Protein backbone atom coordinates (compact mmCIF):
# COMPACT_ATOMS: atom_id res chain seq x y z
CA MET A 1 3.09 5.23 93.82
CA LYS A 2 2.09 2.80 91.08
CA ASN A 3 -1.17 4.65 90.63
CA LEU A 4 0.70 7.92 90.10
CA ILE A 5 2.95 6.38 87.43
CA LEU A 6 -0.02 4.86 85.55
CA SER A 7 -1.87 8.18 85.60
CA ALA A 8 1.17 9.96 84.15
CA CYS A 9 1.44 7.39 81.35
CA PHE A 10 -2.21 7.73 80.38
CA ALA A 11 -1.85 11.52 80.29
CA ALA A 12 1.18 11.25 77.95
CA LEU A 13 -0.67 8.88 75.58
CA SER A 14 -3.64 11.23 75.42
CA LEU A 15 -1.41 14.14 74.43
CA THR A 16 0.27 12.10 71.66
CA ALA A 17 -3.07 11.12 70.17
CA CYS A 18 -4.20 14.73 70.13
CA ASP A 19 -0.99 15.85 68.35
CA ALA A 20 -1.30 13.13 65.76
CA SER A 21 -4.99 13.57 65.02
CA PRO A 22 -4.59 16.56 62.64
CA PHE A 23 -2.40 14.42 60.35
CA ARG A 24 -5.07 11.75 60.14
CA ARG A 25 -7.85 14.24 59.48
CA SER A 26 -9.03 14.40 55.89
CA GLN A 27 -7.81 17.49 54.08
CA GLY A 28 -10.65 19.41 52.49
CA LEU A 29 -10.87 22.74 50.71
CA LEU A 30 -11.07 24.54 54.05
CA ALA A 31 -8.01 24.51 56.29
CA THR A 32 -8.26 23.85 60.05
CA PRO A 33 -8.05 27.09 62.11
CA ARG A 34 -4.91 27.38 64.22
CA LEU A 35 -4.96 28.21 67.94
CA ALA A 36 -3.11 31.29 69.20
CA ALA A 37 0.38 30.51 70.43
CA THR A 38 1.02 30.84 74.16
CA ALA A 39 3.31 33.80 74.95
CA LEU A 40 6.54 33.10 76.75
CA PRO A 41 7.36 35.02 79.88
CA GLY A 42 8.51 38.56 78.99
CA GLN A 43 7.18 38.44 75.40
CA GLN A 44 4.09 39.86 73.82
CA PRO A 45 1.70 37.22 72.54
CA ARG A 46 1.68 36.93 68.72
CA GLU A 47 -1.61 37.21 67.02
CA THR A 48 -2.40 34.47 64.46
CA VAL A 49 -5.26 34.95 62.11
CA SER A 50 -7.37 31.98 61.18
CA ARG A 51 -6.53 31.19 57.55
CA GLN A 52 -9.13 29.84 55.22
CA GLU A 53 -8.49 28.53 51.69
CA LEU A 54 -11.31 29.36 49.30
CA PRO A 55 -12.34 27.01 46.50
CA LEU A 56 -11.32 27.78 42.93
CA THR A 57 -13.83 30.11 41.30
CA ILE A 58 -14.87 30.21 37.68
CA GLU A 59 -12.99 33.47 37.18
CA ASP A 60 -9.73 31.65 37.90
CA VAL A 61 -10.27 29.20 34.99
CA PRO A 62 -8.76 30.53 31.72
CA LEU A 63 -11.37 31.25 29.10
CA GLN A 64 -11.20 29.70 25.64
CA ASP A 65 -9.93 32.86 24.00
CA GLU A 66 -7.16 33.13 26.58
CA VAL A 67 -5.61 29.78 25.54
CA PRO A 68 -2.53 30.46 23.40
CA GLU A 69 -3.09 29.56 19.76
CA VAL A 70 -1.03 26.77 18.20
CA PRO A 71 0.86 27.94 15.10
CA VAL A 72 -0.52 26.58 11.84
CA GLU A 73 2.77 24.96 10.91
CA ASP A 74 2.65 22.88 14.10
CA LEU A 75 -0.63 21.36 12.94
CA ALA A 76 0.77 20.24 9.59
CA PRO A 77 0.93 16.46 9.14
CA ALA A 78 4.24 14.77 9.67
CA GLU A 79 6.28 13.49 6.78
CA PRO A 80 5.21 9.98 5.70
CA ALA A 81 7.32 7.21 7.11
CA ASP A 82 9.55 5.17 4.83
CA THR A 83 7.50 2.21 3.63
CA VAL A 84 10.52 0.20 2.45
CA ALA A 85 13.26 0.44 5.08
CA LEU A 86 12.18 -0.57 8.58
CA PRO A 87 14.11 1.05 11.46
CA HIS A 88 14.71 -1.15 14.47
CA GLU A 89 16.68 -1.32 17.68
CA GLN A 90 20.40 -1.88 17.37
CA HIS A 91 21.62 -5.31 18.42
CA LEU A 92 24.66 -6.05 20.55
CA TYR A 93 26.02 -8.26 17.77
CA PRO A 94 25.58 -7.98 13.97
CA VAL A 95 22.43 -9.69 12.72
CA ASP A 96 21.98 -10.94 9.16
CA HIS A 97 18.35 -9.93 8.60
CA LEU A 98 18.46 -11.10 4.98
CA ALA A 99 19.38 -14.63 6.10
CA ARG A 100 16.56 -14.45 8.64
CA ALA A 101 14.17 -13.49 5.84
CA ARG A 102 15.20 -16.52 3.78
CA ALA A 103 14.80 -18.83 6.77
CA LEU A 104 11.35 -17.46 7.60
CA ARG A 105 10.27 -17.83 3.99
CA GLU A 106 11.31 -21.50 4.02
CA GLU A 107 9.30 -21.94 7.22
CA GLY A 108 6.24 -20.38 5.58
CA ASP A 109 6.26 -17.20 7.65
CA LEU A 110 6.02 -14.76 4.74
CA SER A 111 4.94 -11.81 6.88
CA GLY A 112 7.96 -12.23 9.13
CA ALA A 113 10.19 -12.63 6.07
CA VAL A 114 8.96 -9.30 4.68
CA THR A 115 9.71 -7.62 8.01
CA GLU A 116 13.25 -9.01 8.09
CA ALA A 117 13.85 -7.98 4.47
CA ARG A 118 12.78 -4.42 5.28
CA ARG A 119 15.18 -4.42 8.24
CA ALA A 120 17.92 -5.59 5.89
CA VAL A 121 17.18 -2.63 3.60
CA HIS A 122 17.51 -0.31 6.59
CA ASP A 123 20.82 -1.84 7.69
CA ALA A 124 22.28 -1.65 4.18
CA ALA A 125 22.32 2.17 4.36
CA ASP A 126 24.92 3.40 1.83
CA ASP A 127 26.19 -0.06 0.89
CA ILE A 128 24.87 -0.27 -2.68
CA GLU A 129 25.44 -3.99 -3.15
CA ALA A 130 23.81 -4.88 0.18
CA ALA A 131 20.91 -2.55 -0.54
CA GLU A 132 20.37 -4.11 -3.97
CA ASN A 133 20.32 -7.63 -2.53
CA ALA A 134 17.91 -6.61 0.21
CA LEU A 135 15.61 -4.79 -2.22
CA ASP A 136 15.60 -7.73 -4.64
CA ALA A 137 14.61 -10.07 -1.82
CA LEU A 138 11.95 -7.64 -0.60
CA ILE A 139 10.46 -7.31 -4.09
CA ARG A 140 10.17 -11.08 -4.49
CA LEU A 141 8.53 -11.42 -1.08
CA ALA A 142 6.20 -8.48 -1.67
CA ARG A 143 5.04 -9.93 -4.99
CA LEU A 144 4.59 -13.33 -3.38
CA THR A 145 2.41 -11.90 -0.63
CA GLY A 146 0.44 -9.56 -2.91
CA LEU A 147 1.97 -6.37 -1.49
CA LYS A 148 2.20 -4.67 -4.87
CA GLN A 149 2.54 -1.15 -3.51
CA LEU A 150 5.48 -2.22 -1.36
CA ALA A 151 7.10 -3.84 -4.39
CA ALA A 152 6.54 -0.68 -6.44
CA ASP A 153 8.15 1.42 -3.70
CA ALA A 154 11.10 -0.97 -3.61
CA TYR A 155 11.54 -0.56 -7.37
CA ALA A 156 11.59 3.20 -6.82
CA GLU A 157 14.43 2.70 -4.32
CA LEU A 158 16.28 0.58 -6.88
CA SER A 159 15.91 3.34 -9.45
CA ARG A 160 17.59 5.72 -7.00
CA LEU A 161 20.44 3.27 -6.50
CA TYR A 162 20.93 2.96 -10.26
CA PRO A 163 19.75 6.26 -11.73
CA ASP A 164 20.98 5.39 -15.24
CA GLY A 165 18.94 2.20 -15.70
CA PRO A 166 15.32 2.23 -16.96
CA GLU A 167 14.41 -1.30 -15.83
CA PRO A 168 13.31 -0.48 -12.24
CA LEU A 169 11.09 2.33 -13.50
CA VAL A 170 9.51 0.04 -16.09
CA GLU A 171 8.77 -2.60 -13.46
CA GLN A 172 7.38 0.04 -11.13
CA ALA A 173 5.09 1.28 -13.92
CA ARG A 174 3.78 -2.26 -14.49
CA LEU A 175 2.94 -2.69 -10.82
CA LEU A 176 1.26 0.71 -10.68
CA LEU A 177 -0.91 -0.32 -13.63
CA GLU A 178 -1.96 -3.44 -11.72
CA LEU A 179 -2.86 -1.17 -8.80
CA GLY A 180 -4.93 1.08 -11.07
CA ASP A 181 -2.57 4.05 -10.75
CA THR A 182 -2.47 5.00 -14.43
CA GLU A 183 -1.02 8.47 -13.85
CA GLY A 184 1.78 7.10 -11.68
CA ALA A 185 2.55 4.47 -14.32
CA LEU A 186 2.76 7.12 -17.02
CA ARG A 187 5.13 9.22 -14.92
CA SER A 188 7.45 6.28 -14.26
CA ALA A 189 7.45 5.16 -17.89
CA GLU A 190 8.06 8.68 -19.22
CA ALA A 191 11.00 8.99 -16.82
CA ALA A 192 12.35 5.70 -18.20
CA VAL A 193 12.14 7.06 -21.77
CA GLU A 194 14.51 9.85 -20.78
CA LEU A 195 17.05 7.27 -19.65
CA ASP A 196 16.89 4.91 -22.66
CA PRO A 197 14.68 5.85 -25.63
CA GLU A 198 15.71 2.64 -27.47
CA TYR A 199 14.34 0.22 -24.86
CA PRO A 200 11.18 -1.42 -26.33
CA GLU A 201 9.71 -2.44 -22.96
CA ILE A 202 9.24 1.22 -22.10
CA TYR A 203 6.91 1.75 -25.05
CA GLN A 204 5.12 -1.50 -24.29
CA VAL A 205 4.23 -0.32 -20.76
CA LEU A 206 3.50 3.20 -22.01
CA GLY A 207 1.06 1.77 -24.53
CA ARG A 208 -0.64 -0.24 -21.81
CA ALA A 209 -0.97 2.88 -19.65
CA HIS A 210 -2.52 4.86 -22.51
CA LEU A 211 -4.83 1.94 -23.31
CA SER A 212 -5.92 1.80 -19.67
CA ALA A 213 -6.66 5.53 -19.80
CA GLY A 214 -8.74 5.12 -22.97
CA GLN A 215 -6.24 7.07 -25.09
CA LEU A 216 -6.34 4.75 -28.10
CA ASP A 217 -4.33 6.83 -30.58
CA GLU A 218 -1.49 7.28 -28.08
CA ALA A 219 -1.60 3.58 -27.21
CA ILE A 220 -1.38 2.52 -30.87
CA ALA A 221 1.55 4.88 -31.43
CA ARG A 222 3.45 3.52 -28.41
CA PHE A 223 2.84 -0.14 -29.34
CA LYS A 224 4.05 0.59 -32.86
CA GLN A 225 7.26 2.03 -31.40
CA ALA A 226 7.77 -1.12 -29.35
CA VAL A 227 7.25 -3.34 -32.42
CA HIS A 228 9.53 -1.12 -34.50
CA LEU A 229 12.34 -1.57 -31.94
CA ASP A 230 11.60 -5.30 -31.52
CA PRO A 231 9.65 -6.88 -34.43
CA TYR A 232 9.51 -10.19 -32.53
CA HIS A 233 7.82 -8.70 -29.48
CA GLY A 234 4.72 -10.89 -29.47
CA TYR A 235 3.10 -9.20 -26.47
CA ALA A 236 3.48 -5.75 -28.01
CA LEU A 237 1.88 -7.10 -31.21
CA ASN A 238 -1.01 -8.57 -29.19
CA ASN A 239 -1.57 -5.25 -27.43
CA LEU A 240 -1.35 -3.38 -30.72
CA GLY A 241 -4.05 -5.64 -32.14
CA LEU A 242 -6.16 -5.14 -29.02
CA ALA A 243 -5.86 -1.36 -29.35
CA TYR A 244 -6.91 -1.62 -32.99
CA LEU A 245 -9.93 -3.70 -31.93
CA HIS A 246 -10.99 -1.06 -29.39
CA SER A 247 -10.67 1.65 -32.05
CA GLY A 248 -12.80 -0.29 -34.56
CA GLN A 249 -9.97 -1.14 -36.97
CA ALA A 250 -10.60 -4.86 -37.32
CA THR A 251 -8.43 -5.41 -40.42
CA GLN A 252 -5.30 -3.93 -38.79
CA ALA A 253 -6.15 -5.82 -35.61
CA ALA A 254 -6.30 -9.17 -37.43
CA GLU A 255 -2.92 -8.53 -39.08
CA ALA A 256 -1.19 -7.66 -35.82
CA LEU A 257 -2.83 -10.51 -33.90
CA ALA A 258 -1.97 -13.08 -36.57
CA GLN A 259 1.71 -12.14 -36.12
CA ALA A 260 1.29 -12.33 -32.34
CA VAL A 261 -0.20 -15.84 -32.58
CA TYR A 262 2.74 -16.93 -34.71
CA LEU A 263 5.19 -15.66 -32.08
CA LEU A 264 3.13 -16.79 -29.05
CA PRO A 265 1.42 -20.00 -30.19
CA HIS A 266 0.84 -21.28 -26.65
CA VAL A 267 -0.78 -18.16 -25.16
CA SER A 268 -4.54 -18.68 -25.08
CA TYR A 269 -5.71 -15.08 -24.82
CA VAL A 270 -3.81 -14.12 -28.00
CA HIS A 271 -5.85 -16.72 -29.94
CA ASN A 272 -9.02 -15.39 -28.30
CA ASN A 273 -8.23 -11.83 -29.42
CA LEU A 274 -7.54 -13.05 -32.96
CA GLY A 275 -10.90 -14.83 -32.93
CA LEU A 276 -12.64 -11.57 -32.03
CA ALA A 277 -10.92 -9.80 -34.91
CA TYR A 278 -11.97 -12.53 -37.37
CA GLU A 279 -15.52 -12.45 -36.03
CA ARG A 280 -15.79 -8.72 -36.64
CA LEU A 281 -14.54 -9.24 -40.19
CA GLY A 282 -17.20 -11.90 -40.77
CA ARG A 283 -14.64 -14.71 -41.02
CA TYR A 284 -16.62 -16.95 -38.68
CA GLU A 285 -14.97 -20.28 -39.39
CA GLU A 286 -11.52 -18.83 -38.68
CA ALA A 287 -12.92 -17.16 -35.56
CA ARG A 288 -14.33 -20.49 -34.37
CA MET A 289 -10.97 -22.17 -34.88
CA ALA A 290 -9.20 -19.42 -32.91
CA PHE A 291 -11.68 -19.67 -30.01
CA ASP A 292 -11.41 -23.45 -30.02
CA THR A 293 -7.60 -23.27 -29.87
CA ALA A 294 -7.80 -20.85 -26.95
CA THR A 295 -10.08 -23.19 -24.97
CA ARG A 296 -7.82 -26.17 -25.63
CA LEU A 297 -4.73 -24.25 -24.51
CA SER A 298 -6.48 -22.99 -21.38
CA PRO A 299 -9.65 -24.87 -20.39
CA ARG A 300 -10.24 -22.26 -17.66
CA ASP A 301 -10.25 -19.38 -20.15
CA LEU A 302 -13.84 -18.30 -19.54
CA LYS A 303 -13.82 -15.56 -22.17
CA ALA A 304 -12.73 -17.90 -24.95
CA ARG A 305 -15.31 -20.52 -23.92
CA LEU A 306 -18.12 -17.94 -23.87
CA ASN A 307 -17.05 -16.56 -27.24
CA LEU A 308 -17.00 -20.05 -28.76
CA ASP A 309 -20.44 -20.92 -27.33
CA ARG A 310 -21.90 -17.65 -28.57
CA LEU A 311 -20.49 -18.14 -32.06
CA ASN A 312 -21.82 -21.71 -32.22
CA ARG A 313 -25.28 -20.57 -31.13
CA GLU A 314 -25.34 -17.83 -33.73
CA ALA A 315 -24.18 -20.23 -36.42
CA GLY A 316 -26.83 -22.76 -35.38
CA ARG A 317 -29.57 -20.17 -35.62
CA ALA A 318 -28.33 -19.08 -39.03
CA THR A 319 -28.32 -22.63 -40.48
CA SER A 320 -31.49 -23.92 -38.84
CA PRO A 321 -34.49 -24.08 -41.22
CA ILE A 322 -37.29 -21.58 -40.67
CA PRO A 323 -40.33 -23.48 -39.38
CA VAL A 324 -43.30 -23.35 -41.81
CA PRO A 325 -46.67 -23.01 -40.11
CA ARG A 326 -49.12 -25.84 -40.89
CA PRO A 327 -52.39 -24.90 -42.52
CA PRO A 328 -55.43 -25.26 -40.33
CA VAL A 329 -57.38 -28.51 -40.72
């Protein structure tokens, strides 16, 4: 009896293994043929056809010209992201990003401070006072870290907040000049003229832009306008003299630069420019005095030191006696 029970158990285990084996078999491209089903009593046996899956042929792969074309407008570049305001995830509680920026600046983390200031600009949204404070902080940090383009963009945002004031446009033009963007500086300064044609700083920066572009006549005209509006504008007088020097008008340059030196007695490069004007006029002793003053005011002023050394060498060669050759013995 025990032998019969063990034989029945082994037979049941063998059948289970056979039923499970197709699930463990690796599935390839070709399916396993199915056996015909056994007909029940009184029924006709059903015929089952062995089914075979064929591999994918090359004709089934879409050709290159069958791929739908992407419209041209979908390939256009996306709009540039805002370089000033920095979007960020909303916090559960209000966060003072401007205070964070100040704290990070005190800790010496200037990069993190810039990031927090940009987040503060984003959070300000339509709050004009908050936006102005955030932009002012961002401009200071951007200048401190040498991010001049970011500072220029922040000034552009300030000009949109206060569309009647020329000052942000003037400051933006100055930064664009430092970046070498003369055309952008001219556009900003010309826009400022439309807002306040009596503001001398506009003509000062316009003159610098024209001077940078090599447009000497336009530069002289703009510097003259600045001096006309503010006769005590020493920097405009210095630039006017420099423009005269570039145009070969040494006499007018010396006059303008002498006034600039009177108004800016502690600025070394103004004395250096005056020395160049005197040198071109042949007034060498006055030129030497101007170069010497410039080097004393700023010992690191390399241009003034080189000009003084050159003038001293030329004067030494002019005063040195001509050697007379000795007769042969």
